[in-house]
Amino acid sequence: MQFFLNPSHDPAYNLALEELLASEYEREFFMLWRNAPSIIVGRNQNTLREIDADAVRALGIPVVRRTTGGGAVYHDLGNINYTIARHHLARGEDDFARCAHPVVAALRRLGAAAEFSGRNDILVDGRKVSGSAKRVLRERTLFHGTMLFDVDLGVLGKVLNPDAEKIRSKGVTSVRSRVMNLKELFPAWDVERFHAEFMAALLAELDIPEVAPLPSGFAERAEELARQRYRTWEWNFGSAYPYDFRRSGRFAGGTVELSARVENNRIAEARFHGDFFGDAPAEELAQRLVGCRFQVDAVEKLLAGIDLGRYMRGVTAAELASLFE
């Protein structure tokens, strides 16, 4: 097994690099990496159901979908991510525990009373410090997880706090756990010190003499994969599951309440209610939106070709489209 350090903090690039290495690099490896502030959602989740979109937008935090299952997580530079790629790992309920073993052992080397618990968590003193997910490839298992050292839990609470009444989805929903930062156990350390100590403990546990350079050629390909997939709206916000969406806004022309049914990332049904005025029925406007992609830019472009004042006097296309964020 080889040990890699990925110095990038770009979540889209990092997930692309991880995918390529796990699926195409011929040797088993363990890799450490960190993301700048970002939200990483599970493969089977409805992104809008997991985040507080207003908080995410205000903070300018990117949202990226990974290829593994599980729930949504918040990353920042106070969190360390680890990736393990193993050959021919037998499928079974103990896959998570076996993959997490060197991580648990490394934490114990540092003096933390770590234990694997439940389906995919690592606990210290009964609180979660690491969650993990996996994906079975043709001849490999990709296993990765987080390690909370000094994550801003205040931001975490804001951005992963969706309005349950805003969107109802059949996708997988995150389960919130009682978490802790490991800095509580190592108050004199900053994240860089912990990173170094954690890496040294992992190298000792895995019996790997040194860190290997990242294999050539993968960085360029990872950047291209990030562009084609991990930075696209379709991948990060599109949903394979139908869902119901509700939102309202107060504009100069009155209050507008939107109720929509979304299927295959397109508007399947829409309804408008509110105290706005118009000469034509709002039902007619709603019907004209059916089939449009559920995205602000697409809705605004469609509305630009409609005399919106006939339906909602005093409401602009940009204002109405903002309800679809």
Protein backbone atom coordinates (compact mmCIF):
# COMPACT_ATOMS: atom_id res chain seq x y z
CA MET A 1 0.00 0.00 0.00
CA GLN A 2 1.11 3.55 -0.76
CA PHE A 3 0.43 6.71 1.22
CA PHE A 4 -0.46 9.97 -0.60
CA LEU A 5 -0.93 13.55 0.49
CA ASN A 6 -3.17 15.66 -1.73
CA PRO A 7 -2.34 19.35 -1.10
CA SER A 8 -5.39 20.77 -2.93
CA HIS A 9 -8.27 22.33 -0.99
CA ASP A 10 -10.67 22.42 -3.97
CA PRO A 11 -13.55 20.01 -3.18
CA ALA A 12 -14.55 19.39 -6.82
CA TYR A 13 -10.98 18.61 -7.85
CA ASN A 14 -10.34 16.52 -4.74
CA LEU A 15 -13.35 14.29 -5.31
CA ALA A 16 -12.42 13.90 -8.97
CA LEU A 17 -8.84 12.94 -8.09
CA GLU A 18 -10.05 10.46 -5.50
CA GLU A 19 -12.41 8.83 -8.00
CA LEU A 20 -9.74 8.48 -10.68
CA LEU A 21 -7.12 7.07 -8.31
CA ALA A 22 -9.56 4.62 -6.76
CA SER A 23 -10.84 3.36 -10.11
CA GLU A 24 -7.67 3.41 -12.23
CA TYR A 25 -4.50 3.47 -10.12
CA GLU A 26 -3.16 -0.06 -9.95
CA ARG A 27 -1.96 -0.09 -6.33
CA GLU A 28 -3.80 0.11 -3.03
CA PHE A 29 -3.40 3.45 -1.29
CA PHE A 30 -4.25 5.61 1.69
CA MET A 31 -4.62 9.37 1.08
CA LEU A 32 -5.09 12.42 3.28
CA TRP A 33 -6.64 15.64 1.98
CA ARG A 34 -8.63 18.67 3.09
CA ASN A 35 -11.37 20.81 1.59
CA ALA A 36 -11.94 24.54 1.91
CA PRO A 37 -15.41 25.36 3.34
CA SER A 38 -17.89 23.26 1.37
CA ILE A 39 -20.85 20.95 1.67
CA ILE A 40 -20.47 17.41 0.38
CA VAL A 41 -23.73 15.57 -0.24
CA GLY A 42 -24.29 11.84 -0.67
CA ARG A 43 -24.85 10.23 -4.04
CA ASN A 44 -28.50 9.40 -3.37
CA GLN A 45 -29.56 12.61 -1.69
CA ASN A 46 -31.67 15.54 -2.79
CA THR A 47 -29.29 18.45 -2.27
CA LEU A 48 -32.01 21.02 -1.66
CA ARG A 49 -33.43 18.84 1.11
CA GLU A 50 -30.11 18.80 2.95
CA ILE A 51 -28.97 22.42 2.98
CA ASP A 52 -30.13 25.84 4.06
CA ALA A 53 -29.88 27.37 0.60
CA ASP A 54 -30.04 30.96 1.85
CA ALA A 55 -27.20 30.42 4.33
CA VAL A 56 -25.11 28.58 1.75
CA ARG A 57 -25.59 31.36 -0.77
CA ALA A 58 -24.83 34.10 1.77
CA LEU A 59 -21.62 32.39 2.85
CA GLY A 60 -20.57 31.53 -0.71
CA ILE A 61 -20.00 27.87 0.14
CA PRO A 62 -19.79 25.43 -2.80
CA VAL A 63 -21.94 22.31 -2.75
CA VAL A 64 -20.50 19.16 -4.34
CA ARG A 65 -21.97 15.69 -4.66
CA ARG A 66 -19.75 12.66 -4.07
CA THR A 67 -20.11 9.21 -5.66
CA THR A 68 -20.64 7.37 -2.37
CA GLY A 69 -23.82 7.07 -0.33
CA GLY A 70 -24.52 8.39 3.13
CA GLY A 71 -25.45 11.84 4.37
CA ALA A 72 -24.47 15.43 3.78
CA VAL A 73 -21.43 16.79 5.64
CA TYR A 74 -19.81 20.18 6.10
CA HIS A 75 -16.06 20.45 5.45
CA ASP A 76 -13.58 23.19 6.21
CA LEU A 77 -9.83 23.24 6.78
CA GLY A 78 -10.35 22.11 10.37
CA ASN A 79 -11.47 18.74 9.00
CA ILE A 80 -9.14 16.09 7.57
CA ASN A 81 -10.41 13.65 4.96
CA TYR A 82 -8.98 10.20 4.45
CA THR A 83 -9.37 7.82 1.51
CA ILE A 84 -8.58 4.12 1.35
CA ALA A 85 -8.66 2.08 -1.87
CA ARG A 86 -8.40 -1.68 -1.41
CA HIS A 87 -8.40 -4.62 -3.85
CA HIS A 88 -11.02 -7.36 -3.77
CA LEU A 89 -12.48 -6.36 -0.43
CA ALA A 90 -15.22 -8.83 0.40
CA ARG A 91 -18.66 -7.31 0.61
CA GLY A 92 -20.29 -7.53 3.98
CA GLU A 93 -21.55 -5.64 6.97
CA ASP A 94 -18.09 -5.38 8.52
CA ASP A 95 -16.51 -3.62 5.52
CA PHE A 96 -16.77 -0.26 7.26
CA ALA A 97 -15.23 -1.52 10.49
CA ARG A 98 -12.32 -3.21 8.71
CA CYS A 99 -11.58 -0.17 6.56
CA ALA A 100 -11.81 2.15 9.55
CA HIS A 101 -9.50 -0.01 11.68
CA PRO A 102 -6.21 1.82 10.85
CA VAL A 103 -7.91 5.18 11.49
CA VAL A 104 -9.20 4.04 14.88
CA ALA A 105 -5.81 2.54 15.72
CA ALA A 106 -4.00 5.75 14.73
CA LEU A 107 -6.27 7.83 16.99
CA ARG A 108 -5.56 5.45 19.86
CA ARG A 109 -1.83 5.86 19.26
CA LEU A 110 -2.40 9.58 19.82
CA GLY A 111 -4.21 8.92 23.09
CA ALA A 112 -7.84 9.25 21.97
CA ALA A 113 -10.22 6.52 23.17
CA ALA A 114 -11.58 5.93 19.68
CA GLU A 115 -14.00 3.17 18.73
CA PHE A 116 -15.94 2.19 15.65
CA SER A 117 -19.67 2.39 16.27
CA GLY A 118 -22.91 1.72 14.44
CA ARG A 119 -22.91 1.55 10.68
CA ASN A 120 -20.12 3.96 9.75
CA ASP A 121 -19.03 6.21 12.61
CA ILE A 122 -15.94 6.62 14.77
CA LEU A 123 -16.68 7.86 18.29
CA VAL A 124 -14.53 9.32 21.03
CA ASP A 125 -16.10 9.54 24.49
CA GLY A 126 -19.45 8.69 22.94
CA ARG A 127 -19.42 11.54 20.43
CA LYS A 128 -18.88 11.34 16.68
CA VAL A 129 -15.54 12.56 15.32
CA SER A 130 -15.63 10.73 11.98
CA GLY A 131 -18.24 9.53 9.52
CA SER A 132 -17.47 7.38 6.51
CA ALA A 133 -18.90 6.12 3.23
CA LYS A 134 -17.88 3.57 0.63
CA ARG A 135 -18.36 2.56 -2.96
CA VAL A 136 -17.66 -0.86 -4.45
CA LEU A 137 -15.96 -0.65 -7.83
CA ARG A 138 -15.36 -3.59 -10.17
CA GLU A 139 -12.29 -4.89 -8.35
CA ARG A 140 -11.80 -2.28 -5.68
CA THR A 141 -13.49 -0.73 -2.69
CA LEU A 142 -13.30 3.02 -2.19
CA PHE A 143 -13.68 3.95 1.47
CA HIS A 144 -13.44 7.52 2.71
CA GLY A 145 -14.30 9.55 5.76
CA THR A 146 -13.96 12.77 7.71
CA MET A 147 -11.97 13.58 10.83
CA LEU A 148 -13.27 16.54 12.82
CA PHE A 149 -10.44 18.38 14.53
CA ASP A 150 -11.37 22.08 14.60
CA VAL A 151 -14.38 22.42 12.30
CA ASP A 152 -16.54 25.53 12.70
CA LEU A 153 -19.59 23.82 14.20
CA GLY A 154 -21.51 27.09 14.12
CA VAL A 155 -21.34 27.22 10.34
CA LEU A 156 -22.10 23.50 10.17
CA GLY A 157 -25.31 24.09 12.10
CA LYS A 158 -26.37 26.89 9.77
CA VAL A 159 -25.71 25.36 6.37
CA LEU A 160 -26.98 21.84 7.17
CA ASN A 161 -30.24 23.04 8.62
CA PRO A 162 -32.86 22.80 5.86
CA ASP A 163 -36.44 24.01 6.10
CA ALA A 164 -38.30 20.71 6.38
CA GLU A 165 -41.51 22.31 5.09
CA LYS A 166 -39.84 23.77 2.03
CA ILE A 167 -39.06 20.53 0.25
CA ARG A 168 -40.34 16.99 0.61
CA SER A 169 -38.24 14.37 -1.11
CA LYS A 170 -37.99 10.59 -1.36
CA GLY A 171 -34.18 10.74 -1.47
CA VAL A 172 -31.96 9.64 1.40
CA THR A 173 -32.07 12.10 4.30
CA SER A 174 -29.10 12.81 6.56
CA VAL A 175 -29.20 11.71 10.18
CA ARG A 176 -27.77 14.35 12.50
CA SER A 177 -25.40 13.05 15.17
CA ARG A 178 -23.85 14.46 18.32
CA VAL A 179 -20.40 15.51 17.13
CA MET A 180 -17.23 16.83 18.71
CA ASN A 181 -13.98 18.35 17.58
CA LEU A 182 -10.85 16.42 18.56
CA LYS A 183 -9.27 19.72 19.55
CA GLU A 184 -11.11 19.25 22.85
CA LEU A 185 -8.65 16.41 23.52
CA PHE A 186 -5.62 18.21 22.12
CA PRO A 187 -6.18 21.88 23.05
CA ALA A 188 -2.53 22.86 22.55
CA TRP A 189 -2.49 21.63 18.94
CA ASP A 190 -3.61 23.45 15.83
CA VAL A 191 -4.92 21.52 12.83
CA GLU A 192 -1.51 21.45 11.16
CA ARG A 193 0.04 19.82 14.24
CA PHE A 194 -2.78 17.28 14.42
CA HIS A 195 -2.46 16.57 10.69
CA ALA A 196 1.25 15.80 11.12
CA GLU A 197 0.73 13.64 14.23
CA PHE A 198 -2.22 11.80 12.69
CA MET A 199 -0.25 11.11 9.52
CA ALA A 200 2.73 9.79 11.47
CA ALA A 201 0.46 7.49 13.48
CA LEU A 202 -1.18 6.21 10.29
CA LEU A 203 2.16 5.52 8.62
CA ALA A 204 3.25 3.55 11.68
CA GLU A 205 -0.01 1.63 11.88
CA LEU A 206 0.05 0.78 8.17
CA ASP A 207 3.79 0.01 8.25
CA ILE A 208 4.45 2.39 5.36
CA PRO A 209 7.92 4.00 5.47
CA GLU A 210 7.18 7.28 3.70
CA VAL A 211 4.72 9.43 1.78
CA ALA A 212 4.74 8.78 -1.97
CA PRO A 213 4.29 11.48 -4.63
CA LEU A 214 0.95 11.53 -6.39
CA PRO A 215 1.20 9.54 -9.64
CA SER A 216 1.80 11.62 -12.75
CA GLY A 217 -0.99 12.40 -15.17
CA PHE A 218 -3.83 12.14 -12.69
CA ALA A 219 -3.90 15.82 -11.70
CA GLU A 220 -4.68 17.02 -15.22
CA ARG A 221 -7.34 14.38 -15.72
CA ALA A 222 -8.87 15.14 -12.34
CA GLU A 223 -9.21 18.80 -13.28
CA GLU A 224 -11.02 17.81 -16.46
CA LEU A 225 -13.33 15.44 -14.59
CA ALA A 226 -14.07 18.17 -12.06
CA ARG A 227 -15.06 20.48 -14.90
CA GLN A 228 -17.23 17.91 -16.63
CA ARG A 229 -19.00 16.57 -13.52
CA TYR A 230 -18.17 17.89 -10.08
CA ARG A 231 -18.68 21.57 -10.91
CA THR A 232 -21.96 21.14 -12.80
CA TRP A 233 -25.45 21.99 -11.60
CA GLU A 234 -26.78 18.73 -13.01
CA TRP A 235 -24.46 16.63 -10.84
CA ASN A 236 -24.54 18.68 -7.65
CA PHE A 237 -28.17 19.79 -7.51
CA GLY A 238 -30.03 17.51 -9.90
CA SER A 239 -32.01 14.72 -8.29
CA ALA A 240 -32.97 11.29 -9.54
CA TYR A 241 -35.91 11.36 -7.15
CA PRO A 242 -39.12 13.36 -7.65
CA TYR A 243 -39.83 15.93 -4.96
CA ASP A 244 -42.25 18.65 -3.91
CA PHE A 245 -40.99 22.19 -3.40
CA ARG A 246 -42.55 25.21 -1.71
CA ARG A 247 -41.35 28.77 -1.34
CA SER A 248 -42.80 32.26 -1.03
CA GLY A 249 -41.58 35.79 -1.58
CA ARG A 250 -42.79 39.32 -0.90
CA PHE A 251 -42.44 41.69 -3.87
CA ALA A 252 -43.74 45.13 -4.83
CA GLY A 253 -46.63 43.44 -6.62
CA GLY A 254 -47.58 41.36 -3.59
CA THR A 255 -46.83 38.02 -1.97
CA VAL A 256 -46.31 35.04 -4.27
CA GLU A 257 -46.36 31.46 -2.98
CA LEU A 258 -44.93 28.75 -5.22
CA SER A 259 -45.75 25.05 -4.95
CA ALA A 260 -44.01 22.79 -7.47
CA ARG A 261 -43.57 19.14 -8.29
CA VAL A 262 -40.15 18.33 -9.75
CA GLU A 263 -39.37 15.17 -11.71
CA ASN A 264 -36.12 14.43 -13.55
CA ASN A 265 -34.97 17.94 -12.57
CA ARG A 266 -37.81 19.54 -14.51
CA ILE A 267 -41.03 21.20 -13.40
CA ALA A 268 -43.81 18.63 -13.66
CA GLU A 269 -46.45 20.75 -11.95
CA ALA A 270 -46.58 24.28 -10.54
CA ARG A 271 -49.10 26.40 -8.66
CA PHE A 272 -49.04 30.07 -7.61
CA HIS A 273 -51.01 31.59 -4.75
CA GLY A 274 -50.85 35.02 -3.14
CA ASP A 275 -52.35 38.50 -2.92
CA PHE A 276 -50.96 39.67 -6.29
CA PHE A 277 -53.18 41.08 -9.05
CA GLY A 278 -53.38 40.03 -12.69
CA ASP A 279 -55.78 39.99 -15.62
CA ALA A 280 -54.98 36.42 -16.72
CA PRO A 281 -55.25 33.38 -14.42
CA ALA A 282 -52.06 32.35 -12.62
CA GLU A 283 -52.87 28.75 -13.51
CA GLU A 284 -52.11 29.58 -17.12
CA LEU A 285 -48.69 30.96 -16.19
CA ALA A 286 -47.96 27.89 -14.06
CA GLN A 287 -48.82 25.59 -16.95
CA ARG A 288 -46.37 27.40 -19.21
CA LEU A 289 -43.57 26.50 -16.80
CA VAL A 290 -44.18 22.75 -17.04
CA GLY A 291 -41.18 21.03 -18.63
CA CYS A 292 -38.74 23.83 -17.77
CA ARG A 293 -35.58 22.83 -15.90
CA PHE A 294 -35.88 23.57 -12.20
CA GLN A 295 -33.14 26.18 -12.11
CA VAL A 296 -33.28 29.95 -11.68
CA ASP A 297 -31.54 30.80 -14.96
CA ALA A 298 -33.76 28.45 -16.99
CA VAL A 299 -36.96 29.78 -15.41
CA GLU A 300 -35.91 33.41 -15.85
CA LYS A 301 -35.06 32.79 -19.50
CA LEU A 302 -38.48 31.25 -20.10
CA LEU A 303 -40.25 34.09 -18.27
CA ALA A 304 -38.42 36.66 -20.38
CA GLY A 305 -40.58 35.60 -23.32
CA ILE A 306 -43.84 35.97 -21.36
CA ASP A 307 -45.82 39.12 -20.59
CA LEU A 308 -45.60 38.48 -16.86
CA GLY A 309 -47.63 41.60 -16.03
CA ARG A 310 -50.75 39.90 -17.38
CA TYR A 311 -50.52 37.40 -14.54
CA MET A 312 -48.72 39.27 -11.75
CA ARG A 313 -48.59 43.03 -11.98
CA GLY A 314 -45.53 44.51 -10.28
CA VAL A 315 -43.58 41.23 -10.18
CA THR A 316 -40.49 40.94 -12.39
CA ALA A 317 -39.18 37.83 -14.11
CA ALA A 318 -36.05 37.89 -11.93
CA GLU A 319 -38.15 38.12 -8.76
CA LEU A 320 -40.43 35.26 -9.71
CA ALA A 321 -37.50 33.14 -10.87
CA SER A 322 -35.81 33.68 -7.49
CA LEU A 323 -38.48 31.46 -5.92
CA PHE A 324 -36.97 28.53 -7.81
CA GLU A 325 -33.60 28.82 -6.03
